[in-house]
Amino acid sequence: MEKLYTSIAFTIIIALSNSFLGNAGDPDILKDYLIPTDIANPANITSQYFTYTGFRELVNVNLTGQTTAIVTKASMKEFPALEGQGVSVAALIYPPSGINPPHVHPRAAELLIVIQGVLEIGFVDSTNKLFTQTLQVPDMFIFPKGLVHFQVNTRSDYPAYALGMFGSANAGTGSLPANVFGSGISAEILAKAFKTDAETISKLIAANKPST
């Protein structure tokens, strides 16, 4: 009887594990693709629906005065055909010495591939261990799901370019500076958390205030 209970418990654990893993990413769909609600007749779907041209505007982008990376996303918000497909892409342009500040993607890992230039990248795991690497064309690096990571263009005279690929149609992005200092949390609370004074925190809040 004890062996029977052990077998049943093991079976339940395996079933729960498979259920969790099966729902860890975007949910599966039961169709080839999802049709937007504003398209009443599926016959009106053409190849244009499956085409995204938003990256064209990056060909002649102006980096004058830019210090942070320009991130252009192709998630299901910008490219509705991605809904249900479990994939999305971001094009990143780093100005000379530019940075993509520490941030997280709560719903997907990110596979970064360098297509021009040299990047210093890194992430911090849940034990606060920092992993860093220098990437050049055509190196790839994986940022695990939900972990804080960043990228820096190591060249001061030339921009760098990369593509970030995600296992979700809506990976989400949380920028640490903006989320912390632009969140509305009081300067007094943040000063205690960061063991500094409210005046310093107020300056950081002002620097991360959302533009209107």
Protein backbone atom coordinates (compact mmCIF):
# COMPACT_ATOMS: atom_id res chain seq x y z
CA MET A 1 0.00 0.00 0.00
CA GLU A 2 2.85 2.39 0.84
CA LYS A 3 4.36 1.78 -2.60
CA LEU A 4 0.98 2.51 -4.16
CA TYR A 5 0.70 5.85 -2.33
CA THR A 6 4.28 6.70 -3.32
CA SER A 7 3.52 5.89 -6.95
CA ILE A 8 0.35 8.02 -6.88
CA ALA A 9 2.20 10.93 -5.25
CA PHE A 10 4.99 10.71 -7.83
CA THR A 11 2.44 10.66 -10.65
CA ILE A 12 0.71 13.75 -9.23
CA ILE A 13 4.04 15.59 -8.91
CA ILE A 14 4.97 14.76 -12.53
CA ALA A 15 1.53 15.88 -13.72
CA LEU A 16 1.76 19.15 -11.82
CA SER A 17 5.30 19.75 -13.12
CA ASN A 18 4.23 19.16 -16.69
CA SER A 19 1.24 21.44 -16.19
CA PHE A 20 3.49 24.19 -14.83
CA LEU A 21 6.04 23.83 -17.65
CA GLY A 22 3.31 23.72 -20.23
CA ASN A 23 1.97 27.04 -18.98
CA ALA A 24 5.34 28.71 -18.32
CA GLY A 25 5.30 30.49 -21.68
CA ASP A 26 2.56 31.86 -23.92
CA PRO A 27 -0.50 29.59 -24.05
CA ASP A 28 -0.88 27.38 -27.11
CA ILE A 29 -3.54 28.29 -29.64
CA LEU A 30 -5.81 25.84 -31.46
CA LYS A 31 -5.59 27.63 -34.82
CA ASP A 32 -2.83 28.40 -37.30
CA TYR A 33 -3.01 32.04 -36.25
CA LEU A 34 -5.32 34.42 -34.39
CA ILE A 35 -7.53 36.83 -36.28
CA PRO A 36 -7.99 40.38 -34.92
CA THR A 37 -11.47 41.15 -33.65
CA ASP A 38 -11.72 44.11 -36.03
CA ILE A 39 -11.50 41.77 -39.04
CA ALA A 40 -14.91 40.17 -39.42
CA ASN A 41 -14.10 38.00 -42.44
CA PRO A 42 -11.00 35.77 -42.22
CA ALA A 43 -10.86 35.82 -46.02
CA ASN A 44 -9.74 39.45 -45.76
CA ILE A 45 -6.43 38.36 -44.16
CA THR A 46 -3.55 38.88 -46.58
CA SER A 47 0.24 38.50 -46.41
CA GLN A 48 0.39 42.11 -45.22
CA TYR A 49 -1.00 40.95 -41.87
CA PHE A 50 2.07 38.76 -41.39
CA THR A 51 4.51 41.51 -42.39
CA TYR A 52 6.17 44.02 -40.05
CA THR A 53 7.98 47.04 -41.51
CA GLY A 54 8.57 49.05 -38.35
CA PHE A 55 12.33 48.45 -38.40
CA ARG A 56 12.69 50.41 -41.66
CA GLU A 57 12.70 53.69 -39.74
CA LEU A 58 15.94 52.62 -38.04
CA VAL A 59 17.98 52.67 -41.25
CA ASN A 60 18.78 56.38 -41.00
CA VAL A 61 18.15 56.95 -37.30
CA ASN A 62 19.74 60.08 -35.78
CA LEU A 63 21.86 59.31 -32.70
CA THR A 64 22.90 62.90 -32.01
CA GLY A 65 22.72 63.59 -28.28
CA GLN A 66 21.54 60.05 -27.56
CA THR A 67 23.13 58.34 -24.53
CA THR A 68 20.85 55.33 -24.07
CA ALA A 69 20.01 52.57 -26.50
CA ILE A 70 17.14 53.03 -28.92
CA VAL A 71 14.92 49.97 -28.53
CA THR A 72 12.32 49.27 -31.20
CA LYS A 73 10.01 46.39 -30.36
CA ALA A 74 8.10 44.02 -32.57
CA SER A 75 5.82 42.44 -29.97
CA MET A 76 2.17 41.62 -30.43
CA LYS A 77 1.28 45.23 -29.60
CA GLU A 78 3.22 46.52 -32.61
CA PHE A 79 2.82 43.37 -34.72
CA PRO A 80 -0.58 41.75 -33.93
CA ALA A 81 0.15 38.65 -36.02
CA LEU A 82 2.56 37.54 -33.28
CA GLU A 83 -0.26 36.89 -30.80
CA GLY A 84 -0.32 33.20 -29.98
CA GLN A 85 2.97 32.51 -31.77
CA GLY A 86 5.22 32.71 -28.69
CA VAL A 87 7.90 34.90 -30.25
CA SER A 88 8.88 38.56 -30.57
CA VAL A 89 11.92 40.65 -31.48
CA ALA A 90 13.51 43.94 -30.47
CA ALA A 91 16.02 45.90 -32.54
CA LEU A 92 18.58 47.75 -30.43
CA ILE A 93 20.82 50.62 -31.53
CA TYR A 94 23.46 51.73 -29.02
CA PRO A 95 25.02 55.19 -29.59
CA PRO A 96 28.77 55.52 -28.98
CA SER A 97 29.36 54.66 -25.29
CA GLY A 98 25.60 54.21 -25.00
CA ILE A 99 23.88 51.95 -22.49
CA ASN A 100 20.74 49.89 -22.22
CA PRO A 101 20.16 50.39 -18.46
CA PRO A 102 19.46 47.48 -16.09
CA HIS A 103 16.03 46.01 -16.77
CA VAL A 104 14.04 42.76 -16.70
CA HIS A 105 11.69 40.87 -18.99
CA PRO A 106 9.15 39.16 -16.70
CA ARG A 107 7.61 36.80 -19.25
CA ALA A 108 10.52 35.51 -21.36
CA ALA A 109 14.23 34.89 -21.65
CA GLU A 110 16.12 37.05 -24.17
CA LEU A 111 18.55 35.76 -26.79
CA LEU A 112 20.76 38.68 -27.84
CA ILE A 113 22.78 38.57 -31.07
CA VAL A 114 25.29 41.29 -31.97
CA ILE A 115 25.14 42.38 -35.60
CA GLN A 116 27.55 45.32 -35.44
CA GLY A 117 30.05 46.65 -32.90
CA VAL A 118 31.17 45.39 -29.49
CA LEU A 119 28.98 45.14 -26.39
CA GLU A 120 29.78 44.64 -22.72
CA ILE A 121 26.79 42.80 -21.27
CA GLY A 122 25.80 41.19 -18.02
CA PHE A 123 23.06 39.84 -15.79
CA VAL A 124 22.58 39.20 -12.08
CA ASP A 125 21.10 35.91 -10.90
CA SER A 126 18.85 35.36 -7.87
CA THR A 127 21.89 34.90 -5.60
CA ASN A 128 23.23 38.33 -6.66
CA LYS A 129 26.02 36.75 -8.69
CA LEU A 130 27.05 38.94 -11.64
CA PHE A 131 27.83 37.35 -15.00
CA THR A 132 29.52 39.62 -17.58
CA GLN A 133 30.80 39.07 -21.09
CA THR A 134 32.20 41.02 -24.04
CA LEU A 135 30.39 40.25 -27.29
CA GLN A 136 31.33 40.97 -30.87
CA VAL A 137 29.78 40.11 -34.23
CA PRO A 138 28.11 37.57 -34.49
CA ASP A 139 28.13 36.43 -30.83
CA MET A 140 24.96 35.47 -28.98
CA PHE A 141 24.12 35.59 -25.27
CA ILE A 142 21.10 34.39 -23.31
CA PHE A 143 19.57 36.47 -20.52
CA PRO A 144 17.46 34.14 -18.36
CA LYS A 145 13.82 35.00 -17.84
CA GLY A 146 13.07 37.64 -15.23
CA LEU A 147 16.70 38.42 -14.29
CA VAL A 148 18.23 41.91 -14.23
CA HIS A 149 20.50 42.53 -17.22
CA PHE A 150 22.16 45.34 -19.19
CA GLN A 151 24.27 46.14 -22.26
CA VAL A 152 26.91 48.82 -22.92
CA ASN A 153 28.53 49.89 -26.18
CA THR A 154 32.26 49.79 -25.41
CA ARG A 155 33.20 51.96 -28.39
CA SER A 156 33.15 55.74 -28.04
CA ASP A 157 33.43 56.40 -31.76
CA TYR A 158 30.86 54.10 -33.34
CA PRO A 159 27.34 52.78 -32.66
CA ALA A 160 26.54 49.12 -32.03
CA TYR A 161 23.56 47.12 -33.23
CA ALA A 162 21.88 44.00 -31.86
CA LEU A 163 18.69 41.98 -32.04
CA GLY A 164 16.92 40.65 -28.95
CA MET A 165 14.71 37.61 -29.50
CA PHE A 166 12.09 36.49 -26.97
CA GLY A 167 10.10 33.32 -26.38
CA SER A 168 6.92 35.30 -25.87
CA ALA A 169 4.78 37.56 -28.02
CA ASN A 170 4.68 39.96 -25.06
CA ALA A 171 7.85 39.57 -22.98
CA GLY A 172 7.34 42.84 -21.12
CA THR A 173 10.09 45.20 -19.92
CA GLY A 174 10.68 46.67 -16.51
CA SER A 175 13.40 49.33 -16.35
CA LEU A 176 14.92 49.36 -12.88
CA PRO A 177 15.77 53.09 -12.74
CA ALA A 178 12.33 54.08 -14.01
CA ASN A 179 10.44 51.47 -11.98
CA VAL A 180 12.17 52.47 -8.75
CA PHE A 181 12.70 56.21 -9.06
CA GLY A 182 9.81 56.97 -11.39
CA SER A 183 7.26 54.83 -9.58
CA GLY A 184 5.89 57.37 -7.13
CA ILE A 185 7.44 55.69 -4.08
CA SER A 186 8.23 58.48 -1.62
CA ALA A 187 11.77 59.85 -1.38
CA GLU A 188 11.80 59.06 2.35
CA ILE A 189 11.09 55.35 1.79
CA LEU A 190 13.66 55.11 -1.02
CA ALA A 191 16.25 56.96 1.07
CA LYS A 192 15.87 54.35 3.82
CA ALA A 193 15.99 51.48 1.32
CA PHE A 194 19.15 52.78 -0.37
CA LYS A 195 20.70 54.06 2.87
CA THR A 196 21.13 57.59 1.56
CA ASP A 197 19.48 60.98 2.06
CA ALA A 198 16.17 62.22 0.66
CA GLU A 199 17.89 65.00 -1.31
CA THR A 200 19.92 62.50 -3.35
CA ILE A 201 16.82 60.39 -3.95
CA SER A 202 14.86 63.49 -5.03
CA LYS A 203 17.48 64.17 -7.70
CA LEU A 204 17.18 60.60 -8.97
CA ILE A 205 13.38 60.87 -8.99
CA ALA A 206 13.59 64.09 -11.00
CA ALA A 207 15.97 62.46 -13.49
CA ASN A 208 13.60 59.51 -13.98
CA LYS A 209 10.37 61.49 -14.09
CA PRO A 210 8.24 60.33 -17.05
CA SER A 211 8.26 62.81 -19.92
CA THR A 212 4.94 64.37 -20.84
